Amino acid sequence: MPRPVLPRRCDLCPERCTKQPSGYWLCDPITGGCGWSDDPGTIQPQAATPQVVELTPASEAPAES
């Protein structure tokens, strides 16, 4: 008797992925997922990239009056 395929936790969000007939995992956007899949032929959603903030040194900051 084959073992059941348990859901996999998505790499990008807290949702669970489902195993597709093709054998790849999908975080199904229809059920609230982000659309991530490990299928190399699928366009992947972009992970949130950290924003780079440039700080102005205190010596160059405009003086407040």
PDB file of N, CA and C in Angstrom:
ATOM      1  N   MET A   1       0.843  -1.186   0.000  1.00  0.00           N
ATOM      2  CA  MET A   1       0.000   0.000   0.000  1.00  0.00           C
ATOM      3  C   MET A   1       0.887   1.248   0.000  1.00  0.00           C
ATOM      4  N   PRO A   2       0.697   2.178  -0.975  1.00  0.00           N
ATOM      5  CA  PRO A   2       1.552   3.379  -1.033  1.00  0.00           C
ATOM      6  C   PRO A   2       1.266   4.323   0.129  1.00  0.00           C
ATOM      7  N   ARG A   3       2.330   5.006   0.548  1.00  0.00           N
ATOM      8  CA  ARG A   3       2.189   5.993   1.618  1.00  0.00           C
ATOM      9  C   ARG A   3       1.531   7.249   1.060  1.00  0.00           C
ATOM     10  N   PRO A   4       0.703   7.926   1.868  1.00  0.00           N
ATOM     11  CA  PRO A   4       0.073   9.169   1.389  1.00  0.00           C
ATOM     12  C   PRO A   4       1.114  10.284   1.247  1.00  0.00           C
ATOM     13  N   VAL A   5       0.883  11.169   0.286  1.00  0.00           N
ATOM     14  CA  VAL A   5       1.765  12.317   0.077  1.00  0.00           C
ATOM     15  C   VAL A   5       1.265  13.447   0.971  1.00  0.00           C
ATOM     16  N   LEU A   6       2.057  13.817   1.958  1.00  0.00           N
ATOM     17  CA  LEU A   6       1.672  14.866   2.887  1.00  0.00           C
ATOM     18  C   LEU A   6       1.936  16.242   2.271  1.00  0.00           C
ATOM     19  N   PRO A   7       1.125  17.227   2.624  1.00  0.00           N
ATOM     20  CA  PRO A   7       1.361  18.577   2.089  1.00  0.00           C
ATOM     21  C   PRO A   7       2.724  19.112   2.504  1.00  0.00           C
ATOM     22  N   ARG A   8       3.292  19.899   1.656  1.00  0.00           N
ATOM     23  CA  ARG A   8       4.584  20.525   1.905  1.00  0.00           C
ATOM     24  C   ARG A   8       4.346  21.983   2.259  1.00  0.00           C
ATOM     25  N   ARG A   9       5.120  22.533   3.180  1.00  0.00           N
ATOM     26  CA  ARG A   9       5.020  23.949   3.550  1.00  0.00           C
ATOM     27  C   ARG A   9       5.672  24.773   2.449  1.00  0.00           C
ATOM     28  N   CYS A  10       4.992  25.841   2.021  1.00  0.00           N
ATOM     29  CA  CYS A  10       5.503  26.708   0.953  1.00  0.00           C
ATOM     30  C   CYS A  10       6.773  27.416   1.388  1.00  0.00           C
ATOM     31  N   ASP A  11       7.677  27.657   0.435  1.00  0.00           N
ATOM     32  CA  ASP A  11       8.925  28.367   0.716  1.00  0.00           C
ATOM     33  C   ASP A  11       8.721  29.873   0.877  1.00  0.00           C
ATOM     34  N   LEU A  12       7.612  30.427   0.343  1.00  0.00           N
ATOM     35  CA  LEU A  12       7.426  31.877   0.345  1.00  0.00           C
ATOM     36  C   LEU A  12       6.314  32.378   1.255  1.00  0.00           C
ATOM     37  N   CYS A  13       5.402  31.509   1.663  1.00  0.00           N
ATOM     38  CA  CYS A  13       4.292  31.949   2.503  1.00  0.00           C
ATOM     39  C   CYS A  13       3.901  30.816   3.453  1.00  0.00           C
ATOM     40  N   PRO A  14       3.017  31.060   4.386  1.00  0.00           N
ATOM     41  CA  PRO A  14       2.684  30.016   5.374  1.00  0.00           C
ATOM     42  C   PRO A  14       1.696  28.961   4.877  1.00  0.00           C
ATOM     43  N   GLU A  15       1.295  29.008   3.615  1.00  0.00           N
ATOM     44  CA  GLU A  15       0.311  28.056   3.091  1.00  0.00           C
ATOM     45  C   GLU A  15       0.954  26.692   2.829  1.00  0.00           C
ATOM     46  N   ARG A  16       0.112  25.703   2.651  1.00  0.00           N
ATOM     47  CA  ARG A  16       0.557  24.353   2.315  1.00  0.00           C
ATOM     48  C   ARG A  16       0.472  24.155   0.801  1.00  0.00           C
ATOM     49  N   CYS A  17       1.452  23.445   0.249  1.00  0.00           N
ATOM     50  CA  CYS A  17       1.467  23.133  -1.177  1.00  0.00           C
ATOM     51  C   CYS A  17       0.769  21.798  -1.412  1.00  0.00           C
ATOM     52  N   THR A  18       0.337  21.582  -2.639  1.00  0.00           N
ATOM     53  CA  THR A  18      -0.271  20.307  -3.005  1.00  0.00           C
ATOM     54  C   THR A  18       0.528  19.682  -4.137  1.00  0.00           C
ATOM     55  N   LYS A  19       0.622  18.367  -4.111  1.00  0.00           N
ATOM     56  CA  LYS A  19       1.345  17.631  -5.151  1.00  0.00           C
ATOM     57  C   LYS A  19       0.484  17.593  -6.412  1.00  0.00           C
ATOM     58  N   GLN A  20       1.044  18.006  -7.527  1.00  0.00           N
ATOM     59  CA  GLN A  20       0.334  18.038  -8.798  1.00  0.00           C
ATOM     60  C   GLN A  20       0.488  16.706  -9.531  1.00  0.00           C
ATOM     61  N   PRO A  21      -0.400  16.419 -10.488  1.00  0.00           N
ATOM     62  CA  PRO A  21      -0.272  15.179 -11.273  1.00  0.00           C
ATOM     63  C   PRO A  21       1.086  15.069 -11.980  1.00  0.00           C
ATOM     64  N   SER A  22       1.709  16.217 -12.277  1.00  0.00           N
ATOM     65  CA  SER A  22       3.012  16.218 -12.942  1.00  0.00           C
ATOM     66  C   SER A  22       4.140  15.816 -11.996  1.00  0.00           C
ATOM     67  N   GLY A  23       3.841  15.768 -10.678  1.00  0.00           N
ATOM     68  CA  GLY A  23       4.853  15.408  -9.694  1.00  0.00           C
ATOM     69  C   GLY A  23       5.461  16.614  -8.990  1.00  0.00           C
ATOM     70  N   TYR A  24       5.139  17.821  -9.454  1.00  0.00           N
ATOM     71  CA  TYR A  24       5.661  19.031  -8.828  1.00  0.00           C
ATOM     72  C   TYR A  24       4.694  19.534  -7.761  1.00  0.00           C
ATOM     73  N   TRP A  25       5.219  20.368  -6.865  1.00  0.00           N
ATOM     74  CA  TRP A  25       4.412  20.972  -5.808  1.00  0.00           C
ATOM     75  C   TRP A  25       3.892  22.323  -6.268  1.00  0.00           C
ATOM     76  N   LEU A  26       2.688  22.709  -5.800  1.00  0.00           N
ATOM     77  CA  LEU A  26       2.099  23.995  -6.139  1.00  0.00           C
ATOM     78  C   LEU A  26       1.433  24.589  -4.906  1.00  0.00           C
ATOM     79  N   CYS A  27       1.747  25.840  -4.624  1.00  0.00           N
ATOM     80  CA  CYS A  27       1.056  26.608  -3.582  1.00  0.00           C
ATOM     81  C   CYS A  27      -0.101  27.294  -4.309  1.00  0.00           C
ATOM     82  N   ASP A  28      -1.228  26.614  -4.338  1.00  0.00           N
ATOM     83  CA  ASP A  28      -2.345  26.975  -5.207  1.00  0.00           C
ATOM     84  C   ASP A  28      -2.944  28.340  -4.877  1.00  0.00           C
ATOM     85  N   PRO A  29      -2.863  29.306  -5.807  1.00  0.00           N
ATOM     86  CA  PRO A  29      -3.433  30.632  -5.556  1.00  0.00           C
ATOM     87  C   PRO A  29      -4.957  30.605  -5.429  1.00  0.00           C
ATOM     88  N   ILE A  30      -5.598  29.589  -5.973  1.00  0.00           N
ATOM     89  CA  ILE A  30      -7.061  29.481  -5.877  1.00  0.00           C
ATOM     90  C   ILE A  30      -7.488  29.232  -4.428  1.00  0.00           C
ATOM     91  N   THR A  31      -6.643  28.529  -3.677  1.00  0.00           N
ATOM     92  CA  THR A  31      -6.973  28.236  -2.283  1.00  0.00           C
ATOM     93  C   THR A  31      -6.277  29.187  -1.309  1.00  0.00           C
ATOM     94  N   GLY A  32      -5.752  30.301  -1.809  1.00  0.00           N
ATOM     95  CA  GLY A  32      -5.134  31.301  -0.938  1.00  0.00           C
ATOM     96  C   GLY A  32      -3.621  31.275  -0.918  1.00  0.00           C
ATOM     97  N   GLY A  33      -3.014  30.415  -1.729  1.00  0.00           N
ATOM     98  CA  GLY A  33      -1.556  30.349  -1.785  1.00  0.00           C
ATOM     99  C   GLY A  33      -0.976  31.457  -2.649  1.00  0.00           C
ATOM    100  N   CYS A  34       0.346  31.494  -2.695  1.00  0.00           N
ATOM    101  CA  CYS A  34       1.037  32.570  -3.422  1.00  0.00           C
ATOM    102  C   CYS A  34       1.356  32.207  -4.870  1.00  0.00           C
ATOM    103  N   GLY A  35       1.160  30.953  -5.270  1.00  0.00           N
ATOM    104  CA  GLY A  35       1.436  30.549  -6.645  1.00  0.00           C
ATOM    105  C   GLY A  35       2.791  29.912  -6.838  1.00  0.00           C
ATOM    106  N   TRP A  36       3.576  29.735  -5.763  1.00  0.00           N
ATOM    107  CA  TRP A  36       4.897  29.117  -5.868  1.00  0.00           C
ATOM    108  C   TRP A  36       4.777  27.680  -6.341  1.00  0.00           C
ATOM    109  N   SER A  37       5.731  27.241  -7.147  1.00  0.00           N
ATOM    110  CA  SER A  37       5.811  25.850  -7.572  1.00  0.00           C
ATOM    111  C   SER A  37       7.275  25.501  -7.768  1.00  0.00           C
ATOM    112  N   ASP A  38       7.613  24.227  -7.578  1.00  0.00           N
ATOM    113  CA  ASP A  38       8.993  23.812  -7.858  1.00  0.00           C
ATOM    114  C   ASP A  38       9.141  23.338  -9.306  1.00  0.00           C
ATOM    115  N   ASP A  39       8.085  23.536 -10.106  1.00  0.00           N
ATOM    116  CA  ASP A  39       8.123  23.193 -11.525  1.00  0.00           C
ATOM    117  C   ASP A  39       8.993  24.222 -12.253  1.00  0.00           C
ATOM    118  N   PRO A  40      10.103  23.805 -12.856  1.00  0.00           N
ATOM    119  CA  PRO A  40      10.984  24.770 -13.538  1.00  0.00           C
ATOM    120  C   PRO A  40      10.326  25.440 -14.733  1.00  0.00           C
ATOM    121  N   GLY A  41       9.223  24.895 -15.254  1.00  0.00           N
ATOM    122  CA  GLY A  41       8.534  25.489 -16.387  1.00  0.00           C
ATOM    123  C   GLY A  41       7.477  26.500 -15.982  1.00  0.00           C
ATOM    124  N   THR A  42       7.334  26.757 -14.678  1.00  0.00           N
ATOM    125  CA  THR A  42       6.324  27.679 -14.177  1.00  0.00           C
ATOM    126  C   THR A  42       6.967  29.000 -13.786  1.00  0.00           C
ATOM    127  N   ILE A  43       6.340  30.115 -14.179  1.00  0.00           N
ATOM    128  CA  ILE A  43       6.839  31.426 -13.761  1.00  0.00           C
ATOM    129  C   ILE A  43       6.572  31.563 -12.272  1.00  0.00           C
ATOM    130  N   GLN A  44       7.616  31.880 -11.521  1.00  0.00           N
ATOM    131  CA  GLN A  44       7.513  31.930 -10.067  1.00  0.00           C
ATOM    132  C   GLN A  44       7.220  33.336  -9.568  1.00  0.00           C
ATOM    133  N   PRO A  45       6.423  33.449  -8.502  1.00  0.00           N
ATOM    134  CA  PRO A  45       6.257  34.763  -7.871  1.00  0.00           C
ATOM    135  C   PRO A  45       7.571  35.173  -7.227  1.00  0.00           C
ATOM    136  N   GLN A  46       7.848  36.439  -7.195  1.00  0.00           N
ATOM    137  CA  GLN A  46       9.090  36.930  -6.616  1.00  0.00           C
ATOM    138  C   GLN A  46       8.959  37.020  -5.102  1.00  0.00           C
ATOM    139  N   ALA A  47       9.970  36.548  -4.421  1.00  0.00           N
ATOM    140  CA  ALA A  47       9.995  36.679  -2.967  1.00  0.00           C
ATOM    141  C   ALA A  47      10.199  38.149  -2.633  1.00  0.00           C
ATOM    142  N   ALA A  48       9.706  38.551  -1.499  1.00  0.00           N
ATOM    143  CA  ALA A  48       9.872  39.937  -1.067  1.00  0.00           C
ATOM    144  C   ALA A  48      11.358  40.214  -0.900  1.00  0.00           C
ATOM    145  N   THR A  49      11.839  41.240  -1.591  1.00  0.00           N
ATOM    146  CA  THR A  49      13.251  41.589  -1.482  1.00  0.00           C
ATOM    147  C   THR A  49      13.418  42.697  -0.468  1.00  0.00           C
ATOM    148  N   PRO A  50      14.443  42.594   0.349  1.00  0.00           N
ATOM    149  CA  PRO A  50      14.636  43.652   1.345  1.00  0.00           C
ATOM    150  C   PRO A  50      14.934  44.989   0.671  1.00  0.00           C
ATOM    151  N   GLN A  51      14.360  46.035   1.191  1.00  0.00           N
ATOM    152  CA  GLN A  51      14.574  47.367   0.634  1.00  0.00           C
ATOM    153  C   GLN A  51      15.879  47.940   1.179  1.00  0.00           C
ATOM    154  N   VAL A  52      16.682  48.506   0.289  1.00  0.00           N
ATOM    155  CA  VAL A  52      17.933  49.128   0.700  1.00  0.00           C
ATOM    156  C   VAL A  52      17.650  50.603   0.921  1.00  0.00           C
ATOM    157  N   VAL A  53      17.953  51.070   2.106  1.00  0.00           N
ATOM    158  CA  VAL A  53      17.735  52.474   2.437  1.00  0.00           C
ATOM    159  C   VAL A  53      19.093  53.123   2.598  1.00  0.00           C
ATOM    160  N   GLU A  54      19.313  54.173   1.821  1.00  0.00           N
ATOM    161  CA  GLU A  54      20.583  54.889   1.937  1.00  0.00           C
ATOM    162  C   GLU A  54      20.443  55.954   3.007  1.00  0.00           C
ATOM    163  N   LEU A  55      21.338  55.895   3.964  1.00  0.00           N
ATOM    164  CA  LEU A  55      21.311  56.868   5.046  1.00  0.00           C
ATOM    165  C   LEU A  55      22.278  57.996   4.735  1.00  0.00           C
ATOM    166  N   THR A  56      21.860  59.202   5.012  1.00  0.00           N
ATOM    167  CA  THR A  56      22.717  60.362   4.827  1.00  0.00           C
ATOM    168  C   THR A  56      23.510  60.558   6.114  1.00  0.00           C
ATOM    169  N   PRO A  57      24.828  60.672   6.014  1.00  0.00           N
ATOM    170  CA  PRO A  57      25.603  60.904   7.230  1.00  0.00           C
ATOM    171  C   PRO A  57      25.158  62.174   7.937  1.00  0.00           C
ATOM    172  N   ALA A  58      25.242  62.199   9.243  1.00  0.00           N
ATOM    173  CA  ALA A  58      24.770  63.335  10.045  1.00  0.00           C
ATOM    174  C   ALA A  58      25.451  64.629   9.625  1.00  0.00           C
ATOM    175  N   SER A  59      26.714  64.564   9.186  1.00  0.00           N
ATOM    176  CA  SER A  59      27.430  65.778   8.810  1.00  0.00           C
ATOM    177  C   SER A  59      26.866  66.393   7.510  1.00  0.00           C
ATOM    178  N   GLU A  60      26.224  65.575   6.668  1.00  0.00           N
ATOM    179  CA  GLU A  60      25.665  66.079   5.423  1.00  0.00           C
ATOM    180  C   GLU A  60      24.167  66.327   5.499  1.00  0.00           C
ATOM    181  N   ALA A  61      23.554  65.973   6.608  1.00  0.00           N
ATOM    182  CA  ALA A  61      22.112  66.154   6.742  1.00  0.00           C
ATOM    183  C   ALA A  61      21.797  67.633   6.830  1.00  0.00           C
ATOM    184  N   PRO A  62      20.693  68.078   6.210  1.00  0.00           N
ATOM    185  CA  PRO A  62      20.334  69.495   6.306  1.00  0.00           C
ATOM    186  C   PRO A  62      20.003  69.874   7.751  1.00  0.00           C
ATOM    187  N   ALA A  63      20.423  71.045   8.112  1.00  0.00           N
ATOM    188  CA  ALA A  63      20.201  71.514   9.487  1.00  0.00           C
ATOM    189  C   ALA A  63      18.732  71.909   9.639  1.00  0.00           C
ATOM    190  N   GLU A  64      18.131  71.450  10.720  1.00  0.00           N
ATOM    191  CA  GLU A  64      16.750  71.836  11.000  1.00  0.00           C
ATOM    192  C   GLU A  64      16.740  73.048  11.899  1.00  0.00           C
ATOM    193  N   SER A  65      15.890  74.025  11.566  1.00  0.00           N
ATOM    194  CA  SER A  65      15.853  75.230  12.411  1.00  0.00           C
ATOM    195  C   SER A  65      14.493  75.434  13.005  1.00  0.00           C
TER     196      SER A  65
END
